[in-house]
Amino acid sequence: MTVFVGTSGWQYRDWRGTFYPEGVPQRLWLEEYARRFATVENNGSFYRLPERSTFAAWRRRTPDGFVMAVKAPRRLTHDKRLREPEELVAELMGRAEALGDRLGPVLLQFPPSLRADPGLLDAVLACFPAGVRVAVEPRHSSWWTDRTEAVLAERGAALCWADRKSRPVTPLWRTADWVYLRLHEGRARPWPAYGRQALEGWAERLTGAWGEAADAYVYFNNDPGVEAPRDAAVLRDLMRAAGRPVAVPAETPEEGEPTGRESRDSSHE
């Protein structure tokens, strides 16, 4: 297992002066981010799919070994609601493949109102090129069926494990030989932070369910107040302490530098 831990997005204005030093201009935030984490989930692609040249530029701006997961555009998941996926998936991959060896999994996050349709899910997954890792994050309870699990397993797609308020909100199915986890909101202070106990629980789930055989991609989506990079740094350290191979930046921050919190109220787990 190689564990990739990062955040969902990197361009948050309230990270200026905290995660990003005041002297670092926004146009260099990706480089600064990649100095601290070895992976990021690009959620901006959900709102507007970047041009191929932009993906190619991100490849040039990040170091060897860096991995960028890409969230599929809302046109596919929310506007079309998975219908007529061929052209949209081809457009997505035609651009995102410019990341080259930096390309990580593609995330399909469904709208909460989208009810289960395993046939549509299978048709969408069939559009992705062989070898592309796809994670699926349904958000309607009708998806939690044996048929959904079977479609994911047959296509080698990972069910995205998701957390809200320090609790799993999805089944913890193993439908691929790798895992994708998104942590949306913790219960510690300051909101929406995760307490250490909650992060230790996720570290145990990852190691217990998967051992050392599978890659894991973990992204913190609790971005307000710089909680996401702080929590990501803690979980990364927990996984490393458990003896798991953890992807590290090409240039590691100096001891005691950035993202870890000196203290945290973990009474709300």
C-alpha atoms as a PDB file:
ATOM      1  CA  MET A   1       0.000   0.000   0.000  1.00  0.00           C
ATOM      2  CA  THR A   2       1.180   3.488  -0.858  1.00  0.00           C
ATOM      3  CA  VAL A   3      -0.845   6.114   0.964  1.00  0.00           C
ATOM      4  CA  PHE A   4      -1.425   9.443  -0.790  1.00  0.00           C
ATOM      5  CA  VAL A   5      -2.822  12.086   1.572  1.00  0.00           C
ATOM      6  CA  GLY A   6      -3.783  15.605   0.539  1.00  0.00           C
ATOM      7  CA  THR A   7      -6.640  18.076   0.272  1.00  0.00           C
ATOM      8  CA  SER A   8      -9.574  18.643  -2.043  1.00  0.00           C
ATOM      9  CA  GLY A   9      -8.401  21.739  -3.883  1.00  0.00           C
ATOM     10  CA  TRP A  10      -5.544  24.103  -3.169  1.00  0.00           C
ATOM     11  CA  GLN A  11      -6.723  27.630  -4.114  1.00  0.00           C
ATOM     12  CA  TYR A  12      -8.466  28.868  -0.983  1.00  0.00           C
ATOM     13  CA  ARG A  13      -8.052  32.533  -0.138  1.00  0.00           C
ATOM     14  CA  ASP A  14      -8.264  31.977   3.610  1.00  0.00           C
ATOM     15  CA  TRP A  15      -5.143  29.804   3.383  1.00  0.00           C
ATOM     16  CA  ARG A  16      -3.117  32.919   2.515  1.00  0.00           C
ATOM     17  CA  GLY A  17      -0.857  33.919   5.384  1.00  0.00           C
ATOM     18  CA  THR A  18      -1.341  30.572   7.140  1.00  0.00           C
ATOM     19  CA  PHE A  19      -0.724  27.593   4.868  1.00  0.00           C
ATOM     20  CA  TYR A  20       0.660  29.856   2.160  1.00  0.00           C
ATOM     21  CA  PRO A  21       3.220  32.423   3.356  1.00  0.00           C
ATOM     22  CA  GLU A  22       2.266  36.031   2.674  1.00  0.00           C
ATOM     23  CA  GLY A  23       5.112  36.445   0.209  1.00  0.00           C
ATOM     24  CA  VAL A  24       4.010  33.605  -2.072  1.00  0.00           C
ATOM     25  CA  PRO A  25       1.798  34.906  -4.930  1.00  0.00           C
ATOM     26  CA  GLN A  26      -1.345  32.947  -5.767  1.00  0.00           C
ATOM     27  CA  ARG A  27       0.062  31.964  -9.160  1.00  0.00           C
ATOM     28  CA  LEU A  28       2.695  29.889  -7.293  1.00  0.00           C
ATOM     29  CA  TRP A  29       0.365  28.257  -4.790  1.00  0.00           C
ATOM     30  CA  LEU A  30       0.400  24.913  -6.595  1.00  0.00           C
ATOM     31  CA  GLU A  31       4.188  24.784  -6.372  1.00  0.00           C
ATOM     32  CA  GLU A  32       4.025  25.671  -2.680  1.00  0.00           C
ATOM     33  CA  TYR A  33       1.313  23.076  -2.098  1.00  0.00           C
ATOM     34  CA  ALA A  34       3.360  20.389  -3.874  1.00  0.00           C
ATOM     35  CA  ARG A  35       6.268  21.209  -1.584  1.00  0.00           C
ATOM     36  CA  ARG A  36       4.121  20.064   1.333  1.00  0.00           C
ATOM     37  CA  PHE A  37       1.891  17.294  -0.053  1.00  0.00           C
ATOM     38  CA  ALA A  38       2.403  14.649  -2.719  1.00  0.00           C
ATOM     39  CA  THR A  39      -1.184  14.661  -3.978  1.00  0.00           C
ATOM     40  CA  VAL A  40      -4.202  16.924  -4.468  1.00  0.00           C
ATOM     41  CA  GLU A  41      -7.777  16.394  -5.586  1.00  0.00           C
ATOM     42  CA  ASN A  42      -8.659  18.886  -8.320  1.00  0.00           C
ATOM     43  CA  ASN A  43     -12.252  19.817  -7.543  1.00  0.00           C
ATOM     44  CA  GLY A  44     -12.192  22.920  -9.731  1.00  0.00           C
ATOM     45  CA  SER A  45     -12.631  20.619 -12.734  1.00  0.00           C
ATOM     46  CA  PHE A  46     -16.136  19.870 -11.420  1.00  0.00           C
ATOM     47  CA  TYR A  47     -17.240  23.448 -12.112  1.00  0.00           C
ATOM     48  CA  ARG A  48     -15.295  24.076 -15.313  1.00  0.00           C
ATOM     49  CA  LEU A  49     -13.219  21.515 -17.162  1.00  0.00           C
ATOM     50  CA  PRO A  50      -9.779  23.032 -17.801  1.00  0.00           C
ATOM     51  CA  GLU A  51      -8.195  23.019 -21.227  1.00  0.00           C
ATOM     52  CA  ARG A  52      -5.680  20.304 -22.071  1.00  0.00           C
ATOM     53  CA  SER A  53      -2.938  22.938 -22.000  1.00  0.00           C
ATOM     54  CA  THR A  54      -3.790  23.742 -18.377  1.00  0.00           C
ATOM     55  CA  PHE A  55      -3.459  20.095 -17.341  1.00  0.00           C
ATOM     56  CA  ALA A  56      -0.135  19.976 -19.196  1.00  0.00           C
ATOM     57  CA  ALA A  57       1.030  23.078 -17.327  1.00  0.00           C
ATOM     58  CA  TRP A  58       0.094  21.497 -13.987  1.00  0.00           C
ATOM     59  CA  ARG A  59       2.235  18.531 -14.921  1.00  0.00           C
ATOM     60  CA  ARG A  60       5.220  20.775 -15.589  1.00  0.00           C
ATOM     61  CA  ARG A  61       4.716  22.713 -12.370  1.00  0.00           C
ATOM     62  CA  THR A  62       4.659  19.697 -10.053  1.00  0.00           C
ATOM     63  CA  PRO A  63       7.521  17.373  -9.092  1.00  0.00           C
ATOM     64  CA  ASP A  64       8.062  13.756 -10.055  1.00  0.00           C
ATOM     65  CA  GLY A  65       5.819  11.463  -8.042  1.00  0.00           C
ATOM     66  CA  PHE A  66       3.086  14.064  -7.521  1.00  0.00           C
ATOM     67  CA  VAL A  67      -0.458  12.770  -8.116  1.00  0.00           C
ATOM     68  CA  MET A  68      -3.519  14.840  -9.064  1.00  0.00           C
ATOM     69  CA  ALA A  69      -6.940  13.254  -8.737  1.00  0.00           C
ATOM     70  CA  VAL A  70      -9.542  14.869 -11.003  1.00  0.00           C
ATOM     71  CA  LYS A  71     -13.197  15.417 -10.147  1.00  0.00           C
ATOM     72  CA  ALA A  72     -15.428  14.797 -13.155  1.00  0.00           C
ATOM     73  CA  PRO A  73     -17.374  17.816 -14.463  1.00  0.00           C
ATOM     74  CA  ARG A  74     -20.872  18.486 -13.198  1.00  0.00           C
ATOM     75  CA  ARG A  75     -22.110  18.339 -16.795  1.00  0.00           C
ATOM     76  CA  LEU A  76     -21.673  14.578 -16.586  1.00  0.00           C
ATOM     77  CA  THR A  77     -22.867  13.873 -13.053  1.00  0.00           C
ATOM     78  CA  HIS A  78     -25.343  16.659 -12.286  1.00  0.00           C
ATOM     79  CA  ASP A  79     -26.598  18.131 -15.569  1.00  0.00           C
ATOM     80  CA  LYS A  80     -26.758  14.989 -17.698  1.00  0.00           C
ATOM     81  CA  ARG A  81     -27.170  12.787 -14.588  1.00  0.00           C
ATOM     82  CA  LEU A  82     -24.937  10.104 -16.161  1.00  0.00           C
ATOM     83  CA  ARG A  83     -26.847   9.973 -19.452  1.00  0.00           C
ATOM     84  CA  GLU A  84     -25.080  10.172 -22.821  1.00  0.00           C
ATOM     85  CA  PRO A  85     -21.662   9.850 -21.158  1.00  0.00           C
ATOM     86  CA  GLU A  86     -19.497   8.903 -24.141  1.00  0.00           C
ATOM     87  CA  GLU A  87     -18.649  12.371 -25.433  1.00  0.00           C
ATOM     88  CA  LEU A  88     -18.277  13.916 -21.970  1.00  0.00           C
ATOM     89  CA  VAL A  89     -15.952  11.178 -20.698  1.00  0.00           C
ATOM     90  CA  ALA A  90     -13.898  11.353 -23.905  1.00  0.00           C
ATOM     91  CA  GLU A  91     -13.565  15.130 -23.496  1.00  0.00           C
ATOM     92  CA  LEU A  92     -12.571  14.770 -19.836  1.00  0.00           C
ATOM     93  CA  MET A  93      -9.925  12.141 -20.516  1.00  0.00           C
ATOM     94  CA  GLY A  94      -8.675  13.864 -23.665  1.00  0.00           C
ATOM     95  CA  ARG A  95      -7.757  16.848 -21.520  1.00  0.00           C
ATOM     96  CA  ALA A  96      -6.817  15.250 -18.198  1.00  0.00           C
ATOM     97  CA  GLU A  97      -4.452  12.757 -19.820  1.00  0.00           C
ATOM     98  CA  ALA A  98      -2.104  15.710 -20.419  1.00  0.00           C
ATOM     99  CA  LEU A  99      -1.156  15.239 -16.763  1.00  0.00           C
ATOM    100  CA  GLY A 100       0.767  12.159 -17.889  1.00  0.00           C
ATOM    101  CA  ASP A 101       2.199  10.282 -14.930  1.00  0.00           C
ATOM    102  CA  ARG A 102       0.719  12.880 -12.563  1.00  0.00           C
ATOM    103  CA  LEU A 103      -2.845  11.698 -13.306  1.00  0.00           C
ATOM    104  CA  GLY A 104      -4.458   9.956 -10.364  1.00  0.00           C
ATOM    105  CA  PRO A 105      -8.001   8.627  -9.990  1.00  0.00           C
ATOM    106  CA  VAL A 106     -11.038  10.302 -11.527  1.00  0.00           C
ATOM    107  CA  LEU A 107     -13.826  11.017  -9.021  1.00  0.00           C
ATOM    108  CA  LEU A 108     -17.490  10.796  -9.978  1.00  0.00           C
ATOM    109  CA  GLN A 109     -19.527  12.488  -7.257  1.00  0.00           C
ATOM    110  CA  PHE A 110     -23.276  12.091  -7.774  1.00  0.00           C
ATOM    111  CA  PRO A 111     -25.853  14.695  -6.714  1.00  0.00           C
ATOM    112  CA  PRO A 112     -27.741  13.783  -3.521  1.00  0.00           C
ATOM    113  CA  SER A 113     -30.990  13.554  -5.512  1.00  0.00           C
ATOM    114  CA  LEU A 114     -29.676  10.991  -8.001  1.00  0.00           C
ATOM    115  CA  ARG A 115     -31.297   7.662  -7.216  1.00  0.00           C
ATOM    116  CA  ALA A 116     -29.672   4.363  -7.995  1.00  0.00           C
ATOM    117  CA  ASP A 117     -29.479   3.184 -11.591  1.00  0.00           C
ATOM    118  CA  PRO A 118     -26.825   0.463 -11.818  1.00  0.00           C
ATOM    119  CA  GLY A 119     -27.275   0.247 -15.583  1.00  0.00           C
ATOM    120  CA  LEU A 120     -26.392   3.919 -16.056  1.00  0.00           C
ATOM    121  CA  LEU A 121     -23.456   3.517 -13.697  1.00  0.00           C
ATOM    122  CA  ASP A 122     -22.141   0.588 -15.685  1.00  0.00           C
ATOM    123  CA  ALA A 123     -22.487   2.509 -18.962  1.00  0.00           C
ATOM    124  CA  VAL A 124     -20.523   5.470 -17.586  1.00  0.00           C
ATOM    125  CA  LEU A 125     -17.732   3.312 -16.197  1.00  0.00           C
ATOM    126  CA  ALA A 126     -17.469   1.482 -19.523  1.00  0.00           C
ATOM    127  CA  CYS A 127     -16.511   4.779 -21.199  1.00  0.00           C
ATOM    128  CA  PHE A 128     -13.264   5.196 -19.278  1.00  0.00           C
ATOM    129  CA  PRO A 129     -10.060   3.909 -20.873  1.00  0.00           C
ATOM    130  CA  ALA A 130      -8.499   0.772 -19.451  1.00  0.00           C
ATOM    131  CA  GLY A 131      -6.094   1.532 -16.666  1.00  0.00           C
ATOM    132  CA  VAL A 132      -7.808   4.711 -15.477  1.00  0.00           C
ATOM    133  CA  ARG A 133      -8.804   4.470 -11.839  1.00  0.00           C
ATOM    134  CA  VAL A 134     -12.342   5.702 -11.199  1.00  0.00           C
ATOM    135  CA  ALA A 135     -13.862   6.362  -7.781  1.00  0.00           C
ATOM    136  CA  VAL A 136     -17.623   6.752  -7.380  1.00  0.00           C
ATOM    137  CA  GLU A 137     -19.274   8.769  -4.601  1.00  0.00           C
ATOM    138  CA  PRO A 138     -23.059   8.225  -4.592  1.00  0.00           C
ATOM    139  CA  ARG A 139     -25.012  10.293  -2.084  1.00  0.00           C
ATOM    140  CA  HIS A 140     -28.477   8.728  -2.176  1.00  0.00           C
ATOM    141  CA  SER A 141     -29.118   5.716   0.040  1.00  0.00           C
ATOM    142  CA  SER A 142     -30.794   3.798  -2.806  1.00  0.00           C
ATOM    143  CA  TRP A 143     -27.335   3.036  -4.162  1.00  0.00           C
ATOM    144  CA  TRP A 144     -26.406   0.796  -1.235  1.00  0.00           C
ATOM    145  CA  THR A 145     -27.383  -2.485  -2.880  1.00  0.00           C
ATOM    146  CA  ASP A 146     -25.670  -5.684  -3.932  1.00  0.00           C
ATOM    147  CA  ARG A 147     -26.155  -4.720  -7.585  1.00  0.00           C
ATOM    148  CA  THR A 148     -24.303  -1.413  -7.163  1.00  0.00           C
ATOM    149  CA  GLU A 149     -21.473  -3.181  -5.384  1.00  0.00           C
ATOM    150  CA  ALA A 150     -21.313  -5.778  -8.151  1.00  0.00           C
ATOM    151  CA  VAL A 151     -21.144  -3.170 -10.942  1.00  0.00           C
ATOM    152  CA  LEU A 152     -18.321  -1.345  -9.206  1.00  0.00           C
ATOM    153  CA  ALA A 153     -16.425  -4.582  -8.622  1.00  0.00           C
ATOM    154  CA  GLU A 154     -16.927  -5.798 -12.197  1.00  0.00           C
ATOM    155  CA  ARG A 155     -15.535  -2.516 -13.548  1.00  0.00           C
ATOM    156  CA  GLY A 156     -12.723  -2.292 -11.000  1.00  0.00           C
ATOM    157  CA  ALA A 157     -14.039   1.056  -9.761  1.00  0.00           C
ATOM    158  CA  ALA A 158     -13.688   2.036  -6.119  1.00  0.00           C
ATOM    159  CA  LEU A 159     -16.625   3.048  -3.983  1.00  0.00           C
ATOM    160  CA  CYS A 160     -15.532   6.371  -2.508  1.00  0.00           C
ATOM    161  CA  TRP A 161     -15.562   6.028   1.246  1.00  0.00           C
ATOM    162  CA  ALA A 162     -16.900   9.281   2.690  1.00  0.00           C
ATOM    163  CA  ASP A 163     -17.005  10.807   6.153  1.00  0.00           C
ATOM    164  CA  ARG A 164     -19.133  13.538   7.658  1.00  0.00           C
ATOM    165  CA  LYS A 165     -18.926  14.587  11.281  1.00  0.00           C
ATOM    166  CA  SER A 166     -16.253  11.963  11.922  1.00  0.00           C
ATOM    167  CA  ARG A 167     -18.474   9.055  10.897  1.00  0.00           C
ATOM    168  CA  PRO A 168     -18.664   6.985   7.688  1.00  0.00           C
ATOM    169  CA  VAL A 169     -21.664   7.933   5.534  1.00  0.00           C
ATOM    170  CA  THR A 170     -21.101   5.182   2.961  1.00  0.00           C
ATOM    171  CA  PRO A 171     -20.695   1.426   3.193  1.00  0.00           C
ATOM    172  CA  LEU A 172     -17.057   0.416   3.480  1.00  0.00           C
ATOM    173  CA  TRP A 173     -17.138  -1.842   0.448  1.00  0.00           C
ATOM    174  CA  ARG A 174     -13.938  -3.088  -1.152  1.00  0.00           C
ATOM    175  CA  THR A 175     -14.778  -3.013  -4.855  1.00  0.00           C
ATOM    176  CA  ALA A 176     -11.280  -2.415  -6.256  1.00  0.00           C
ATOM    177  CA  ASP A 177      -7.701  -3.200  -5.339  1.00  0.00           C
ATOM    178  CA  TRP A 178      -7.257   0.397  -4.167  1.00  0.00           C
ATOM    179  CA  VAL A 179      -9.235   2.763  -1.953  1.00  0.00           C
ATOM    180  CA  TYR A 180     -10.428   6.370  -2.172  1.00  0.00           C
ATOM    181  CA  LEU A 181     -11.480   8.272   0.953  1.00  0.00           C
ATOM    182  CA  ARG A 182     -12.937  11.785   1.276  1.00  0.00           C
ATOM    183  CA  LEU A 183     -13.283  13.487   4.661  1.00  0.00           C
ATOM    184  CA  HIS A 184     -15.806  16.310   4.443  1.00  0.00           C
ATOM    185  CA  GLU A 185     -16.392  17.561   7.986  1.00  0.00           C
ATOM    186  CA  GLY A 186     -15.098  16.711  11.441  1.00  0.00           C
ATOM    187  CA  ARG A 187     -16.582  17.356  14.863  1.00  0.00           C
ATOM    188  CA  ALA A 188     -13.596  18.809  16.683  1.00  0.00           C
ATOM    189  CA  ARG A 189     -12.948  22.476  17.361  1.00  0.00           C
ATOM    190  CA  PRO A 190     -12.483  24.685  15.495  1.00  0.00           C
ATOM    191  CA  TRP A 191     -15.120  23.546  13.004  1.00  0.00           C
ATOM    192  CA  PRO A 192     -14.794  21.643  10.675  1.00  0.00           C
ATOM    193  CA  ALA A 193     -11.641  20.056  12.100  1.00  0.00           C
ATOM    194  CA  TYR A 194     -11.106  16.391  12.810  1.00  0.00           C
ATOM    195  CA  GLY A 195      -9.930  15.350  16.255  1.00  0.00           C
ATOM    196  CA  ARG A 196      -7.026  12.994  16.652  1.00  0.00           C
ATOM    197  CA  GLN A 197      -9.264  10.145  17.796  1.00  0.00           C
ATOM    198  CA  ALA A 198     -11.321  10.360  14.596  1.00  0.00           C
ATOM    199  CA  LEU A 199      -8.190  10.389  12.438  1.00  0.00           C
ATOM    200  CA  GLU A 200      -6.751   7.442  14.331  1.00  0.00           C
ATOM    201  CA  GLY A 201      -9.992   5.596  13.601  1.00  0.00           C
ATOM    202  CA  TRP A 202      -9.629   6.184   9.876  1.00  0.00           C
ATOM    203  CA  ALA A 203      -5.988   5.158   9.962  1.00  0.00           C
ATOM    204  CA  GLU A 204      -7.043   1.895  11.613  1.00  0.00           C
ATOM    205  CA  ARG A 205      -9.822   1.305   9.056  1.00  0.00           C
ATOM    206  CA  LEU A 206      -7.437   1.833   6.168  1.00  0.00           C
ATOM    207  CA  THR A 207      -4.751  -0.439   7.531  1.00  0.00           C
ATOM    208  CA  GLY A 208      -7.182  -3.032   8.856  1.00  0.00           C
ATOM    209  CA  ALA A 209      -9.260  -3.368   5.710  1.00  0.00           C
ATOM    210  CA  TRP A 210      -6.474  -3.101   3.192  1.00  0.00           C
ATOM    211  CA  GLY A 211      -3.247  -4.099   4.876  1.00  0.00           C
ATOM    212  CA  GLU A 212      -0.239  -3.349   2.714  1.00  0.00           C
ATOM    213  CA  ALA A 213      -1.629  -4.595  -0.594  1.00  0.00           C
ATOM    214  CA  ALA A 214      -3.467  -1.562  -1.952  1.00  0.00           C
ATOM    215  CA  ASP A 215      -2.897   2.085  -2.743  1.00  0.00           C
ATOM    216  CA  ALA A 216      -4.989   4.567  -0.778  1.00  0.00           C
ATOM    217  CA  TYR A 217      -5.951   8.084  -1.837  1.00  0.00           C
ATOM    218  CA  VAL A 218      -7.220  10.281   0.994  1.00  0.00           C
ATOM    219  CA  TYR A 219      -8.465  13.845   0.556  1.00  0.00           C
ATOM    220  CA  PHE A 220      -9.697  16.318   3.167  1.00  0.00           C
ATOM    221  CA  ASN A 221     -12.531  18.533   1.961  1.00  0.00           C
ATOM    222  CA  ASN A 222     -12.919  20.497   5.228  1.00  0.00           C
ATOM    223  CA  ASP A 223     -11.102  23.507   3.826  1.00  0.00           C
ATOM    224  CA  PRO A 224     -12.438  26.443   5.941  1.00  0.00           C
ATOM    225  CA  GLY A 225      -9.896  27.805   8.393  1.00  0.00           C
ATOM    226  CA  VAL A 226      -6.990  25.778   7.006  1.00  0.00           C
ATOM    227  CA  GLU A 227      -8.308  22.658   8.725  1.00  0.00           C
ATOM    228  CA  ALA A 228      -7.860  20.432   5.655  1.00  0.00           C
ATOM    229  CA  PRO A 229      -4.056  20.669   5.340  1.00  0.00           C
ATOM    230  CA  ARG A 230      -3.628  20.467   9.082  1.00  0.00           C
ATOM    231  CA  ASP A 231      -5.715  17.300   9.324  1.00  0.00           C
ATOM    232  CA  ALA A 232      -4.051  15.819   6.257  1.00  0.00           C
ATOM    233  CA  ALA A 233      -0.636  16.277   7.862  1.00  0.00           C
ATOM    234  CA  VAL A 234      -1.813  14.518  11.032  1.00  0.00           C
ATOM    235  CA  LEU A 235      -3.284  11.543   9.163  1.00  0.00           C
ATOM    236  CA  ARG A 236      -0.164  11.280   7.019  1.00  0.00           C
ATOM    237  CA  ASP A 237       1.940  11.091  10.174  1.00  0.00           C
ATOM    238  CA  LEU A 238      -0.373   8.478  11.698  1.00  0.00           C
ATOM    239  CA  MET A 239      -0.094   6.278   8.617  1.00  0.00           C
ATOM    240  CA  ARG A 240       3.665   6.659   8.589  1.00  0.00           C
ATOM    241  CA  ALA A 241       3.819   5.770  12.296  1.00  0.00           C
ATOM    242  CA  ALA A 242       1.808   2.623  11.524  1.00  0.00           C
ATOM    243  CA  GLY A 243       4.572   1.555   9.166  1.00  0.00           C
ATOM    244  CA  ARG A 244       2.700   2.200   5.932  1.00  0.00           C
ATOM    245  CA  PRO A 245       4.528   3.569   2.871  1.00  0.00           C
ATOM    246  CA  VAL A 246       3.375   7.178   2.560  1.00  0.00           C
ATOM    247  CA  ALA A 247       3.945   9.346  -0.511  1.00  0.00           C
ATOM    248  CA  VAL A 248       5.969  12.398   0.471  1.00  0.00           C
ATOM    249  CA  PRO A 249       6.689  15.616  -1.414  1.00  0.00           C
ATOM    250  CA  ALA A 250       9.806  15.864  -3.510  1.00  0.00           C
ATOM    251  CA  GLU A 251      10.851  18.694  -1.197  1.00  0.00           C
ATOM    252  CA  THR A 252       9.829  18.013   2.372  1.00  0.00           C
ATOM    253  CA  PRO A 253       9.100  20.971   4.693  1.00  0.00           C
ATOM    254  CA  GLU A 254      11.583  21.645   7.432  1.00  0.00           C
ATOM    255  CA  GLU A 255      11.001  20.040  10.817  1.00  0.00           C
ATOM    256  CA  GLY A 256       8.144  21.731  12.678  1.00  0.00           C
ATOM    257  CA  GLU A 257       7.153  23.793   9.636  1.00  0.00           C
ATOM    258  CA  PRO A 258       3.714  23.954   8.449  1.00  0.00           C
ATOM    259  CA  THR A 259       0.590  22.216   8.609  1.00  0.00           C
ATOM    260  CA  GLY A 260       0.397  20.339  11.854  1.00  0.00           C
ATOM    261  CA  ARG A 261      -1.472  22.010  14.671  1.00  0.00           C
ATOM    262  CA  GLU A 262       0.418  22.630  17.899  1.00  0.00           C
ATOM    263  CA  SER A 263      -2.666  21.731  19.889  1.00  0.00           C
ATOM    264  CA  ARG A 264      -6.248  20.815  19.183  1.00  0.00           C
ATOM    265  CA  ASP A 265      -9.374  20.333  21.219  1.00  0.00           C
ATOM    266  CA  SER A 266     -10.258  16.730  20.373  1.00  0.00           C
ATOM    267  CA  SER A 267     -13.126  16.399  22.809  1.00  0.00           C
ATOM    268  CA  HIS A 268     -15.623  16.308  19.933  1.00  0.00           C
ATOM    269  CA  GLU A 269     -14.773  13.268  17.861  1.00  0.00           C
END
